[in-house]
C-alpha cells in the first residue's frame, strides 16, 4: 500500500499543491507580495527588489524528461539589476535526497543561490 501511495499521480499532485501553498504562505509571512507563475513556480518580491523563486518538487518531477533542463533554466533567472534570483526548492520528503543528488550532479548546489529546504517535522 505504501508503494502505491508513493506512485499514485493523484497523491503527487496533492503533495505538490500542499508544498506550493506552503511556499506561498512562507513568502507572505516574510511580508513579500507573492504570485504563481504558469511554469509552476511561486515568485516573491523581496526587499531591495530581490525576486525569490520557489518550486515544489515531487518524485514524479524527477522522472520527467526535461526536468533537469528546467532546473538549470530556473537557476539562471536574473533580476532586473542582473543578479541571479535566489532559487528555492521544496521537495516532498520521499524525493529530497534524490533532488539533492541531481543538483550536485548539475553543480547547481555549488552556485550559492540554489537551496533545498525541508518542512519541519
PDB file of N, CA and C in Angstrom:
ATOM      1  N   UNK A   1       0.818  -1.200   0.000  1.00  0.00           N
ATOM      2  CA  UNK A   1       0.000   0.000   0.000  1.00  0.00           C
ATOM      3  C   UNK A   1       0.859   1.260   0.000  1.00  0.00           C
ATOM      4  N   UNK A   2       1.939   1.294   0.753  1.00  0.00           N
ATOM      5  CA  UNK A   2       2.791   2.472   0.768  1.00  0.00           C
ATOM      6  C   UNK A   2       3.398   2.745  -0.599  1.00  0.00           C
ATOM      7  N   UNK A   3       3.788   1.680  -1.317  1.00  0.00           N
ATOM      8  CA  UNK A   3       4.353   1.861  -2.648  1.00  0.00           C
ATOM      9  C   UNK A   3       3.312   2.462  -3.570  1.00  0.00           C
ATOM     10  N   UNK A   4       2.099   1.994  -3.473  1.00  0.00           N
ATOM     11  CA  UNK A   4       1.023   2.526  -4.315  1.00  0.00           C
ATOM     12  C   UNK A   4       0.813   4.014  -4.044  1.00  0.00           C
ATOM     13  N   UNK A   5       0.813   4.420  -2.783  1.00  0.00           N
ATOM     14  CA  UNK A   5       0.628   5.830  -2.463  1.00  0.00           C
ATOM     15  C   UNK A   5       1.762   6.677  -3.019  1.00  0.00           C
ATOM     16  N   UNK A   6       2.982   6.173  -2.927  1.00  0.00           N
ATOM     17  CA  UNK A   6       4.132   6.935  -3.411  1.00  0.00           C
ATOM     18  C   UNK A   6       4.096   7.107  -4.921  1.00  0.00           C
ATOM     19  N   UNK A   7       3.510   6.149  -5.637  1.00  0.00           N
ATOM     20  CA  UNK A   7       3.483   6.194  -7.097  1.00  0.00           C
ATOM     21  C   UNK A   7       2.177   6.745  -7.651  1.00  0.00           C
ATOM     22  N   UNK A   8       1.225   7.008  -6.829  1.00  0.00           N
ATOM     23  CA  UNK A   8      -0.082   7.474  -7.255  1.00  0.00           C
ATOM     24  C   UNK A   8       0.007   8.927  -7.721  1.00  0.00           C
ATOM     25  N   UNK A   9      -0.246   9.206  -9.026  1.00  0.00           N
ATOM     26  CA  UNK A   9      -0.148  10.573  -9.521  1.00  0.00           C
ATOM     27  C   UNK A   9      -1.059  11.542  -8.783  1.00  0.00           C
ATOM     28  N   UNK A  10      -2.230  11.099  -8.354  1.00  0.00           N
ATOM     29  CA  UNK A  10      -3.134  11.960  -7.602  1.00  0.00           C
ATOM     30  C   UNK A  10      -2.519  12.384  -6.286  1.00  0.00           C
ATOM     31  N   UNK A  11      -1.803  11.476  -5.661  1.00  0.00           N
ATOM     32  CA  UNK A  11      -1.122  11.795  -4.400  1.00  0.00           C
ATOM     33  C   UNK A  11       0.001  12.795  -4.657  1.00  0.00           C
ATOM     34  N   UNK A  12       0.733  12.626  -5.739  1.00  0.00           N
ATOM     35  CA  UNK A  12       1.799  13.569  -6.068  1.00  0.00           C
ATOM     36  C   UNK A  12       1.236  14.967  -6.265  1.00  0.00           C
ATOM     37  N   UNK A  13       0.102  15.070  -6.929  1.00  0.00           N
ATOM     38  CA  UNK A  13      -0.487  16.380  -7.166  1.00  0.00           C
ATOM     39  C   UNK A  13      -0.914  17.024  -5.856  1.00  0.00           C
ATOM     40  N   UNK A  14      -1.479  16.229  -4.945  1.00  0.00           N
ATOM     41  CA  UNK A  14      -1.875  16.780  -3.647  1.00  0.00           C
ATOM     42  C   UNK A  14      -0.643  17.273  -2.911  1.00  0.00           C
ATOM     43  N   UNK A  15       0.432  16.516  -2.976  1.00  0.00           N
ATOM     44  CA  UNK A  15       1.661  16.920  -2.305  1.00  0.00           C
ATOM     45  C   UNK A  15       2.218  18.176  -2.946  1.00  0.00           C
ATOM     46  N   UNK A  16       2.235  18.248  -4.263  1.00  0.00           N
ATOM     47  CA  UNK A  16       2.721  19.444  -4.958  1.00  0.00           C
ATOM     48  C   UNK A  16       1.890  20.662  -4.550  1.00  0.00           C
ATOM     49  N   UNK A  17       0.583  20.470  -4.513  1.00  0.00           N
ATOM     50  CA  UNK A  17      -0.309  21.569  -4.135  1.00  0.00           C
ATOM     51  C   UNK A  17      -0.012  22.021  -2.700  1.00  0.00           C
ATOM     52  N   UNK A  18       0.153  21.073  -1.797  1.00  0.00           N
ATOM     53  CA  UNK A  18       0.443  21.403  -0.402  1.00  0.00           C
ATOM     54  C   UNK A  18       1.788  22.127  -0.275  1.00  0.00           C
ATOM     55  N   UNK A  19       2.789  21.646  -0.981  1.00  0.00           N
ATOM     56  CA  UNK A  19       4.108  22.267  -0.923  1.00  0.00           C
ATOM     57  C   UNK A  19       4.087  23.670  -1.522  1.00  0.00           C
ATOM     58  N   UNK A  20       3.374  23.833  -2.627  1.00  0.00           N
ATOM     59  CA  UNK A  20       3.260  25.149  -3.258  1.00  0.00           C
ATOM     60  C   UNK A  20       2.547  26.126  -2.331  1.00  0.00           C
ATOM     61  N   UNK A  21       1.487  25.669  -1.682  1.00  0.00           N
ATOM     62  CA  UNK A  21       0.774  26.526  -0.734  1.00  0.00           C
ATOM     63  C   UNK A  21       1.671  26.898   0.438  1.00  0.00           C
ATOM     64  N   UNK A  22       2.501  25.966   0.887  1.00  0.00           N
ATOM     65  CA  UNK A  22       3.429  26.256   1.968  1.00  0.00           C
ATOM     66  C   UNK A  22       4.413  27.350   1.551  1.00  0.00           C
ATOM     67  N   UNK A  23       4.954  27.234   0.324  1.00  0.00           N
ATOM     68  CA  UNK A  23       5.877  28.260  -0.172  1.00  0.00           C
ATOM     69  C   UNK A  23       5.205  29.631  -0.208  1.00  0.00           C
ATOM     70  N   UNK A  24       3.975  29.675  -0.707  1.00  0.00           N
ATOM     71  CA  UNK A  24       3.242  30.944  -0.752  1.00  0.00           C
ATOM     72  C   UNK A  24       3.085  31.532   0.648  1.00  0.00           C
ATOM     73  N   UNK A  25       2.667  30.705   1.586  1.00  0.00           N
ATOM     74  CA  UNK A  25       2.472  31.165   2.962  1.00  0.00           C
ATOM     75  C   UNK A  25       3.785  31.635   3.567  1.00  0.00           C
ATOM     76  N   UNK A  26       4.853  30.922   3.297  1.00  0.00           N
ATOM     77  CA  UNK A  26       6.159  31.292   3.828  1.00  0.00           C
ATOM     78  C   UNK A  26       6.565  32.683   3.336  1.00  0.00           C
ATOM     79  N   UNK A  27       6.491  32.897   2.023  1.00  0.00           N
ATOM     80  CA  UNK A  27       6.882  34.193   1.462  1.00  0.00           C
ATOM     81  C   UNK A  27       5.958  35.313   1.961  1.00  0.00           C
ATOM     82  N   UNK A  28       4.668  35.045   2.038  1.00  0.00           N
ATOM     83  CA  UNK A  28       3.736  36.062   2.560  1.00  0.00           C
ATOM     84  C   UNK A  28       4.063  36.376   4.020  1.00  0.00           C
ATOM     85  N   UNK A  29       4.451  35.341   4.774  1.00  0.00           N
ATOM     86  CA  UNK A  29       4.827  35.537   6.169  1.00  0.00           C
ATOM     87  C   UNK A  29       6.060  36.415   6.324  1.00  0.00           C
ATOM     88  N   UNK A  30       6.877  36.470   5.282  1.00  0.00           N
ATOM     89  CA  UNK A  30       8.047  37.359   5.273  1.00  0.00           C
ATOM     90  C   UNK A  30       7.657  38.774   4.871  1.00  0.00           C
ATOM     91  N   UNK A  31       6.378  38.963   4.516  1.00  0.00           N
ATOM     92  CA  UNK A  31       5.897  40.281   4.110  1.00  0.00           C
ATOM     93  C   UNK A  31       6.064  40.562   2.627  1.00  0.00           C
ATOM     94  N   UNK A  32       6.321  39.522   1.829  1.00  0.00           N
ATOM     95  CA  UNK A  32       6.552  39.699   0.398  1.00  0.00           C
ATOM     96  C   UNK A  32       5.270  39.487  -0.400  1.00  0.00           C
ATOM     97  N   UNK A  33       5.025  40.299  -1.432  1.00  0.00           N
ATOM     98  CA  UNK A  33       3.949  40.001  -2.375  1.00  0.00           C
ATOM     99  C   UNK A  33       4.316  38.726  -3.146  1.00  0.00           C
ATOM    100  N   UNK A  34       3.327  37.872  -3.352  1.00  0.00           N
ATOM    101  CA  UNK A  34       3.570  36.557  -3.961  1.00  0.00           C
ATOM    102  C   UNK A  34       2.676  36.369  -5.167  1.00  0.00           C
ATOM    103  N   UNK A  35       3.218  35.687  -6.186  1.00  0.00           N
ATOM    104  CA  UNK A  35       2.406  35.318  -7.342  1.00  0.00           C
ATOM    105  C   UNK A  35       2.810  33.932  -7.819  1.00  0.00           C
ATOM    106  N   UNK A  36       1.831  33.227  -8.372  1.00  0.00           N
ATOM    107  CA  UNK A  36       2.100  31.933  -9.001  1.00  0.00           C
ATOM    108  C   UNK A  36       2.307  32.176 -10.490  1.00  0.00           C
ATOM    109  N   UNK A  37       3.253  31.451 -11.053  1.00  0.00           N
ATOM    110  CA  UNK A  37       3.534  31.590 -12.475  1.00  0.00           C
ATOM    111  C   UNK A  37       3.139  30.329 -13.222  1.00  0.00           C
ATOM    112  N   UNK A  38       2.914  30.472 -14.530  1.00  0.00           N
ATOM    113  CA  UNK A  38       2.493  29.350 -15.359  1.00  0.00           C
ATOM    114  C   UNK A  38       3.508  28.219 -15.371  1.00  0.00           C
ATOM    115  N   UNK A  39       4.767  28.517 -15.061  1.00  0.00           N
ATOM    116  CA  UNK A  39       5.800  27.478 -15.054  1.00  0.00           C
ATOM    117  C   UNK A  39       5.798  26.650 -13.770  1.00  0.00           C
ATOM    118  N   UNK A  40       4.809  26.897 -12.900  1.00  0.00           N
ATOM    119  CA  UNK A  40       4.690  26.128 -11.667  1.00  0.00           C
ATOM    120  C   UNK A  40       5.446  26.705 -10.489  1.00  0.00           C
ATOM    121  N   UNK A  41       6.116  27.829 -10.703  1.00  0.00           N
ATOM    122  CA  UNK A  41       6.865  28.440  -9.611  1.00  0.00           C
ATOM    123  C   UNK A  41       6.009  29.429  -8.838  1.00  0.00           C
ATOM    124  N   UNK A  42       6.480  29.715  -7.647  1.00  0.00           N
ATOM    125  CA  UNK A  42       5.942  30.781  -6.822  1.00  0.00           C
ATOM    126  C   UNK A  42       7.024  31.844  -6.809  1.00  0.00           C
ATOM    127  N   UNK A  43       6.656  33.086  -7.073  1.00  0.00           N
ATOM    128  CA  UNK A  43       7.643  34.165  -7.093  1.00  0.00           C
ATOM    129  C   UNK A  43       7.243  35.205  -6.049  1.00  0.00           C
ATOM    130  N   UNK A  44       8.252  35.678  -5.340  1.00  0.00           N
ATOM    131  CA  UNK A  44       8.018  36.671  -4.302  1.00  0.00           C
ATOM    132  C   UNK A  44       8.952  37.847  -4.527  1.00  0.00           C
ATOM    133  N   UNK A  45       8.414  39.042  -4.349  1.00  0.00           N
ATOM    134  CA  UNK A  45       9.211  40.261  -4.485  1.00  0.00           C
ATOM    135  C   UNK A  45       9.667  40.686  -3.098  1.00  0.00           C
ATOM    136  N   UNK A  46      10.965  40.573  -2.878  1.00  0.00           N
ATOM    137  CA  UNK A  46      11.523  40.863  -1.567  1.00  0.00           C
ATOM    138  C   UNK A  46      12.119  42.243  -1.461  1.00  0.00           C
ATOM    139  N   UNK A  47      12.718  42.486  -0.338  1.00  0.00           N
ATOM    140  CA  UNK A  47      13.361  43.761  -0.033  1.00  0.00           C
ATOM    141  C   UNK A  47      14.482  44.013  -1.039  1.00  0.00           C
ATOM    142  N   UNK A  48      14.605  45.255  -1.472  1.00  0.00           N
ATOM    143  CA  UNK A  48      15.664  45.638  -2.395  1.00  0.00           C
ATOM    144  C   UNK A  48      15.471  45.120  -3.808  1.00  0.00           C
ATOM    145  N   UNK A  49      14.236  44.736  -4.151  1.00  0.00           N
ATOM    146  CA  UNK A  49      13.969  44.273  -5.499  1.00  0.00           C
ATOM    147  C   UNK A  49      14.367  42.830  -5.766  1.00  0.00           C
ATOM    148  N   UNK A  50      14.681  42.077  -4.710  1.00  0.00           N
ATOM    149  CA  UNK A  50      15.055  40.675  -4.888  1.00  0.00           C
ATOM    150  C   UNK A  50      13.829  39.859  -5.268  1.00  0.00           C
ATOM    151  N   UNK A  51      13.949  39.051  -6.317  1.00  0.00           N
ATOM    152  CA  UNK A  51      12.883  38.157  -6.731  1.00  0.00           C
ATOM    153  C   UNK A  51      13.257  36.743  -6.307  1.00  0.00           C
ATOM    154  N   UNK A  52      12.485  36.200  -5.380  1.00  0.00           N
ATOM    155  CA  UNK A  52      12.684  34.840  -4.896  1.00  0.00           C
ATOM    156  C   UNK A  52      11.853  33.902  -5.757  1.00  0.00           C
ATOM    157  N   UNK A  53      12.436  32.797  -6.192  1.00  0.00           N
ATOM    158  CA  UNK A  53      11.722  31.792  -6.979  1.00  0.00           C
ATOM    159  C   UNK A  53      11.648  30.535  -6.136  1.00  0.00           C
ATOM    160  N   UNK A  54      10.433  30.055  -5.895  1.00  0.00           N
ATOM    161  CA  UNK A  54      10.223  28.830  -5.142  1.00  0.00           C
ATOM    162  C   UNK A  54       9.579  27.781  -6.032  1.00  0.00           C
ATOM    163  N   UNK A  55      10.024  26.530  -5.872  1.00  0.00           N
ATOM    164  CA  UNK A  55       9.470  25.439  -6.670  1.00  0.00           C
ATOM    165  C   UNK A  55       9.239  24.226  -5.788  1.00  0.00           C
ATOM    166  N   UNK A  56       8.008  23.739  -5.785  1.00  0.00           N
ATOM    167  CA  UNK A  56       7.675  22.486  -5.116  1.00  0.00           C
ATOM    168  C   UNK A  56       8.088  21.347  -6.042  1.00  0.00           C
ATOM    169  N   UNK A  57       8.708  20.310  -5.474  1.00  0.00           N
ATOM    170  CA  UNK A  57       9.185  19.179  -6.276  1.00  0.00           C
ATOM    171  C   UNK A  57       8.646  17.882  -5.682  1.00  0.00           C
ATOM    172  N   UNK A  58       8.057  17.046  -6.542  1.00  0.00           N
ATOM    173  CA  UNK A  58       7.600  15.713  -6.136  1.00  0.00           C
ATOM    174  C   UNK A  58       8.373  14.669  -6.936  1.00  0.00           C
ATOM    175  N   UNK A  59       8.328  13.434  -6.463  1.00  0.00           N
ATOM    176  CA  UNK A  59       9.100  12.359  -7.094  1.00  0.00           C
ATOM    177  C   UNK A  59       8.823  12.244  -8.587  1.00  0.00           C
ATOM    178  N   UNK A  60       7.603  12.443  -8.988  1.00  0.00           N
ATOM    179  CA  UNK A  60       7.214  12.356 -10.404  1.00  0.00           C
ATOM    180  C   UNK A  60       8.030  13.333 -11.253  1.00  0.00           C
ATOM    181  N   UNK A  61       8.351  14.498 -10.701  1.00  0.00           N
ATOM    182  CA  UNK A  61       9.140  15.503 -11.442  1.00  0.00           C
ATOM    183  C   UNK A  61      10.507  14.957 -11.827  1.00  0.00           C
ATOM    184  N   UNK A  62      11.139  14.247 -10.909  1.00  0.00           N
ATOM    185  CA  UNK A  62      12.498  13.754 -11.135  1.00  0.00           C
ATOM    186  C   UNK A  62      12.568  12.754 -12.282  1.00  0.00           C
ATOM    187  N   UNK A  63      11.451  12.112 -12.587  1.00  0.00           N
ATOM    188  CA  UNK A  63      11.400  11.127 -13.666  1.00  0.00           C
ATOM    189  C   UNK A  63      11.044  11.752 -15.016  1.00  0.00           C
ATOM    190  N   UNK A  64      10.599  12.995 -15.010  1.00  0.00           N
ATOM    191  CA  UNK A  64      10.166  13.634 -16.256  1.00  0.00           C
ATOM    192  C   UNK A  64      11.342  14.071 -17.111  1.00  0.00           C
ATOM    193  N   UNK A  65      11.226  13.783 -18.398  1.00  0.00           N
ATOM    194  CA  UNK A  65      12.244  14.247 -19.346  1.00  0.00           C
ATOM    195  C   UNK A  65      12.227  15.765 -19.368  1.00  0.00           C
ATOM    196  N   UNK A  66      13.370  16.355 -19.312  1.00  0.00           N
ATOM    197  CA  UNK A  66      13.465  17.806 -19.361  1.00  0.00           C
ATOM    198  C   UNK A  66      13.469  18.476 -17.997  1.00  0.00           C
ATOM    199  N   UNK A  67      13.254  17.709 -16.927  1.00  0.00           N
ATOM    200  CA  UNK A  67      13.213  18.331 -15.600  1.00  0.00           C
ATOM    201  C   UNK A  67      14.554  18.962 -15.232  1.00  0.00           C
ATOM    202  N   UNK A  68      15.633  18.280 -15.536  1.00  0.00           N
ATOM    203  CA  UNK A  68      16.949  18.830 -15.211  1.00  0.00           C
ATOM    204  C   UNK A  68      17.211  20.112 -15.990  1.00  0.00           C
ATOM    205  N   UNK A  69      16.812  20.151 -17.256  1.00  0.00           N
ATOM    206  CA  UNK A  69      16.956  21.375 -18.051  1.00  0.00           C
ATOM    207  C   UNK A  69      16.138  22.512 -17.436  1.00  0.00           C
ATOM    208  N   UNK A  70      14.964  22.158 -16.936  1.00  0.00           N
ATOM    209  CA  UNK A  70      14.104  23.159 -16.296  1.00  0.00           C
ATOM    210  C   UNK A  70      14.779  23.724 -15.045  1.00  0.00           C
ATOM    211  N   UNK A  71      15.412  22.858 -14.248  1.00  0.00           N
ATOM    212  CA  UNK A  71      16.119  23.333 -13.058  1.00  0.00           C
ATOM    213  C   UNK A  71      17.223  24.308 -13.441  1.00  0.00           C
ATOM    214  N   UNK A  72      17.975  23.962 -14.468  1.00  0.00           N
ATOM    215  CA  UNK A  72      19.059  24.832 -14.917  1.00  0.00           C
ATOM    216  C   UNK A  72      18.494  26.169 -15.388  1.00  0.00           C
ATOM    217  N   UNK A  73      17.444  26.119 -16.184  1.00  0.00           N
ATOM    218  CA  UNK A  73      16.831  27.351 -16.700  1.00  0.00           C
ATOM    219  C   UNK A  73      16.341  28.245 -15.561  1.00  0.00           C
ATOM    220  N   UNK A  74      15.659  27.650 -14.584  1.00  0.00           N
ATOM    221  CA  UNK A  74      15.166  28.444 -13.463  1.00  0.00           C
ATOM    222  C   UNK A  74      16.312  29.005 -12.622  1.00  0.00           C
ATOM    223  N   UNK A  75      17.401  28.251 -12.525  1.00  0.00           N
ATOM    224  CA  UNK A  75      18.540  28.724 -11.734  1.00  0.00           C
ATOM    225  C   UNK A  75      19.272  29.876 -12.410  1.00  0.00           C
ATOM    226  N   UNK A  76      19.007  30.093 -13.683  1.00  0.00           N
ATOM    227  CA  UNK A  76      19.673  31.161 -14.429  1.00  0.00           C
ATOM    228  C   UNK A  76      18.825  32.425 -14.563  1.00  0.00           C
ATOM    229  N   UNK A  77      17.643  32.427 -13.939  1.00  0.00           N
ATOM    230  CA  UNK A  77      16.774  33.606 -13.986  1.00  0.00           C
ATOM    231  C   UNK A  77      17.451  34.762 -13.258  1.00  0.00           C
ATOM    232  N   UNK A  78      17.369  35.927 -13.848  1.00  0.00           N
ATOM    233  CA  UNK A  78      18.020  37.112 -13.272  1.00  0.00           C
ATOM    234  C   UNK A  78      16.996  38.196 -12.947  1.00  0.00           C
ATOM    235  N   UNK A  79      17.357  38.979 -11.956  1.00  0.00           N
ATOM    236  CA  UNK A  79      16.560  40.140 -11.574  1.00  0.00           C
ATOM    237  C   UNK A  79      16.911  41.286 -12.522  1.00  0.00           C
ATOM    238  N   UNK A  80      16.101  42.357 -12.556  1.00  0.00           N
ATOM    239  CA  UNK A  80      16.403  43.477 -13.456  1.00  0.00           C
ATOM    240  C   UNK A  80      17.802  44.055 -13.255  1.00  0.00           C
ATOM    241  N   UNK A  81      18.338  43.981 -12.038  1.00  0.00           N
ATOM    242  CA  UNK A  81      19.680  44.508 -11.766  1.00  0.00           C
ATOM    243  C   UNK A  81      20.775  43.588 -12.296  1.00  0.00           C
ATOM    244  N   UNK A  82      20.413  42.377 -12.741  1.00  0.00           N
ATOM    245  CA  UNK A  82      21.376  41.445 -13.312  1.00  0.00           C
ATOM    246  C   UNK A  82      21.810  40.315 -12.410  1.00  0.00           C
ATOM    247  N   UNK A  83      21.558  40.412 -11.118  1.00  0.00           N
ATOM    248  CA  UNK A  83      21.937  39.344 -10.191  1.00  0.00           C
ATOM    249  C   UNK A  83      21.000  38.146 -10.363  1.00  0.00           C
ATOM    250  N   UNK A  84      21.528  36.969 -10.072  1.00  0.00           N
ATOM    251  CA  UNK A  84      20.718  35.754 -10.140  1.00  0.00           C
ATOM    252  C   UNK A  84      19.642  35.770  -9.061  1.00  0.00           C
ATOM    253  N   UNK A  85      18.458  35.308  -9.409  1.00  0.00           N
ATOM    254  CA  UNK A  85      17.377  35.187  -8.432  1.00  0.00           C
ATOM    255  C   UNK A  85      17.684  34.038  -7.479  1.00  0.00           C
ATOM    256  N   UNK A  86      17.427  34.220  -6.192  1.00  0.00           N
ATOM    257  CA  UNK A  86      17.516  33.077  -5.291  1.00  0.00           C
ATOM    258  C   UNK A  86      16.473  32.033  -5.720  1.00  0.00           C
ATOM    259  N   UNK A  87      16.896  30.795  -5.831  1.00  0.00           N
ATOM    260  CA  UNK A  87      16.037  29.702  -6.304  1.00  0.00           C
ATOM    261  C   UNK A  87      15.934  28.683  -5.183  1.00  0.00           C
ATOM    262  N   UNK A  88      14.721  28.531  -4.652  1.00  0.00           N
ATOM    263  CA  UNK A  88      14.489  27.659  -3.505  1.00  0.00           C
ATOM    264  C   UNK A  88      13.574  26.508  -3.893  1.00  0.00           C
ATOM    265  N   UNK A  89      14.028  25.310  -3.603  1.00  0.00           N
ATOM    266  CA  UNK A  89      13.264  24.112  -3.932  1.00  0.00           C
ATOM    267  C   UNK A  89      12.744  23.487  -2.643  1.00  0.00           C
ATOM    268  N   UNK A  90      11.479  23.135  -2.647  1.00  0.00           N
ATOM    269  CA  UNK A  90      10.858  22.472  -1.502  1.00  0.00           C
ATOM    270  C   UNK A  90      10.364  21.115  -1.972  1.00  0.00           C
ATOM    271  N   UNK A  91      11.146  20.050  -1.714  1.00  0.00           N
ATOM    272  CA  UNK A  91      10.765  18.723  -2.199  1.00  0.00           C
ATOM    273  C   UNK A  91       9.864  17.978  -1.224  1.00  0.00           C
ATOM    274  N   UNK A  92       9.079  17.057  -1.791  1.00  0.00           N
ATOM    275  CA  UNK A  92       8.374  16.096  -0.961  1.00  0.00           C
ATOM    276  C   UNK A  92       9.438  15.253  -0.262  1.00  0.00           C
ATOM    277  N   UNK A  93       9.114  14.783   0.909  1.00  0.00           N
ATOM    278  CA  UNK A  93      10.086  14.042   1.717  1.00  0.00           C
ATOM    279  C   UNK A  93      10.668  12.842   0.976  1.00  0.00           C
ATOM    280  N   UNK A  94       9.849  12.165   0.176  1.00  0.00           N
ATOM    281  CA  UNK A  94      10.297  10.938  -0.485  1.00  0.00           C
ATOM    282  C   UNK A  94      11.274  11.165  -1.632  1.00  0.00           C
ATOM    283  N   UNK A  95      11.524  12.408  -1.997  1.00  0.00           N
ATOM    284  CA  UNK A  95      12.446  12.644  -3.109  1.00  0.00           C
ATOM    285  C   UNK A  95      13.516  13.680  -2.787  1.00  0.00           C
ATOM    286  N   UNK A  96      13.617  14.104  -1.543  1.00  0.00           N
ATOM    287  CA  UNK A  96      14.568  15.155  -1.168  1.00  0.00           C
ATOM    288  C   UNK A  96      16.010  14.747  -1.447  1.00  0.00           C
ATOM    289  N   UNK A  97      16.390  13.529  -1.066  1.00  0.00           N
ATOM    290  CA  UNK A  97      17.771  13.088  -1.269  1.00  0.00           C
ATOM    291  C   UNK A  97      18.104  12.969  -2.753  1.00  0.00           C
ATOM    292  N   UNK A  98      17.162  12.449  -3.518  1.00  0.00           N
ATOM    293  CA  UNK A  98      17.389  12.318  -4.962  1.00  0.00           C
ATOM    294  C   UNK A  98      17.527  13.695  -5.614  1.00  0.00           C
ATOM    295  N   UNK A  99      16.716  14.657  -5.188  1.00  0.00           N
ATOM    296  CA  UNK A  99      16.815  16.014  -5.724  1.00  0.00           C
ATOM    297  C   UNK A  99      18.183  16.607  -5.405  1.00  0.00           C
ATOM    298  N   UNK A 100      18.653  16.415  -4.181  1.00  0.00           N
ATOM    299  CA  UNK A 100      19.991  16.920  -3.824  1.00  0.00           C
ATOM    300  C   UNK A 100      21.063  16.295  -4.723  1.00  0.00           C
ATOM    301  N   UNK A 101      20.908  15.020  -5.044  1.00  0.00           N
ATOM    302  CA  UNK A 101      21.852  14.362  -5.945  1.00  0.00           C
ATOM    303  C   UNK A 101      21.835  14.965  -7.334  1.00  0.00           C
ATOM    304  N   UNK A 102      20.644  15.269  -7.835  1.00  0.00           N
ATOM    305  CA  UNK A 102      20.514  15.905  -9.154  1.00  0.00           C
ATOM    306  C   UNK A 102      21.188  17.277  -9.142  1.00  0.00           C
ATOM    307  N   UNK A 103      20.938  18.057  -8.115  1.00  0.00           N
ATOM    308  CA  UNK A 103      21.543  19.389  -8.029  1.00  0.00           C
ATOM    309  C   UNK A 103      23.058  19.308  -7.939  1.00  0.00           C
ATOM    310  N   UNK A 104      23.566  18.320  -7.218  1.00  0.00           N
ATOM    311  CA  UNK A 104      25.021  18.144  -7.116  1.00  0.00           C
ATOM    312  C   UNK A 104      25.604  17.760  -8.475  1.00  0.00           C
ATOM    313  N   UNK A 105      24.938  16.831  -9.171  1.00  0.00           N
ATOM    314  CA  UNK A 105      25.421  16.409 -10.485  1.00  0.00           C
ATOM    315  C   UNK A 105      25.418  17.562 -11.487  1.00  0.00           C
ATOM    316  N   UNK A 106      24.409  18.412 -11.401  1.00  0.00           N
ATOM    317  CA  UNK A 106      24.313  19.576 -12.293  1.00  0.00           C
ATOM    318  C   UNK A 106      25.174  20.736 -11.799  1.00  0.00           C
ATOM    319  N   UNK A 107      25.763  20.567 -10.646  1.00  0.00           N
ATOM    320  CA  UNK A 107      26.617  21.560  -9.995  1.00  0.00           C
ATOM    321  C   UNK A 107      25.852  22.834  -9.624  1.00  0.00           C
ATOM    322  N   UNK A 108      24.549  22.710  -9.480  1.00  0.00           N
ATOM    323  CA  UNK A 108      23.735  23.858  -9.080  1.00  0.00           C
ATOM    324  C   UNK A 108      23.878  24.140  -7.590  1.00  0.00           C
ATOM    325  N   UNK A 109      24.112  23.103  -6.801  1.00  0.00           N
ATOM    326  CA  UNK A 109      24.236  23.288  -5.357  1.00  0.00           C
ATOM    327  C   UNK A 109      25.496  24.067  -4.994  1.00  0.00           C
ATOM    328  N   UNK A 110      26.423  24.191  -5.924  1.00  0.00           N
ATOM    329  CA  UNK A 110      27.677  24.917  -5.691  1.00  0.00           C
ATOM    330  C   UNK A 110      27.556  26.405  -5.995  1.00  0.00           C
ATOM    331  N   UNK A 111      26.459  26.812  -6.592  1.00  0.00           N
ATOM    332  CA  UNK A 111      26.355  28.177  -7.110  1.00  0.00           C
ATOM    333  C   UNK A 111      25.981  29.211  -6.052  1.00  0.00           C
ATOM    334  N   UNK A 112      25.516  28.762  -4.899  1.00  0.00           N
ATOM    335  CA  UNK A 112      25.239  29.682  -3.804  1.00  0.00           C
ATOM    336  C   UNK A 112      23.864  30.307  -3.775  1.00  0.00           C
ATOM    337  N   UNK A 113      23.115  30.243  -4.832  1.00  0.00           N
ATOM    338  CA  UNK A 113      21.784  30.839  -4.833  1.00  0.00           C
ATOM    339  C   UNK A 113      20.685  29.793  -5.018  1.00  0.00           C
ATOM    340  N   UNK A 114      21.060  28.518  -5.076  1.00  0.00           N
ATOM    341  CA  UNK A 114      20.107  27.427  -5.216  1.00  0.00           C
ATOM    342  C   UNK A 114      20.113  26.634  -3.910  1.00  0.00           C
ATOM    343  N   UNK A 115      18.955  26.530  -3.270  1.00  0.00           N
ATOM    344  CA  UNK A 115      18.849  25.873  -1.972  1.00  0.00           C
ATOM    345  C   UNK A 115      17.706  24.871  -1.976  1.00  0.00           C
ATOM    346  N   UNK A 116      17.881  23.811  -1.198  1.00  0.00           N
ATOM    347  CA  UNK A 116      16.822  22.827  -0.987  1.00  0.00           C
ATOM    348  C   UNK A 116      16.387  22.950   0.462  1.00  0.00           C
ATOM    349  N   UNK A 117      15.097  23.077   0.672  1.00  0.00           N
ATOM    350  CA  UNK A 117      14.541  23.202   2.015  1.00  0.00           C
ATOM    351  C   UNK A 117      13.684  21.996   2.350  1.00  0.00           C
ATOM    352  N   UNK A 118      13.475  21.809   3.629  1.00  0.00           N
ATOM    353  CA  UNK A 118      12.602  20.738   4.117  1.00  0.00           C
ATOM    354  C   UNK A 118      11.568  21.340   5.031  1.00  0.00           C
ATOM    355  N   UNK A 119      10.417  20.687   5.080  1.00  0.00           N
ATOM    356  CA  UNK A 119       9.389  21.101   6.023  1.00  0.00           C
ATOM    357  C   UNK A 119       9.809  20.606   7.405  1.00  0.00           C
ATOM    358  N   UNK A 120       9.562  21.408   8.415  1.00  0.00           N
ATOM    359  CA  UNK A 120       9.851  20.981   9.785  1.00  0.00           C
ATOM    360  C   UNK A 120       8.891  19.874  10.174  1.00  0.00           C
ATOM    361  N   UNK A 121       9.391  18.894  10.878  1.00  0.00           N
ATOM    362  CA  UNK A 121       8.542  17.753  11.290  1.00  0.00           C
ATOM    363  C   UNK A 121       7.567  18.175  12.358  1.00  0.00           C
TER     364      UNK A 121
END
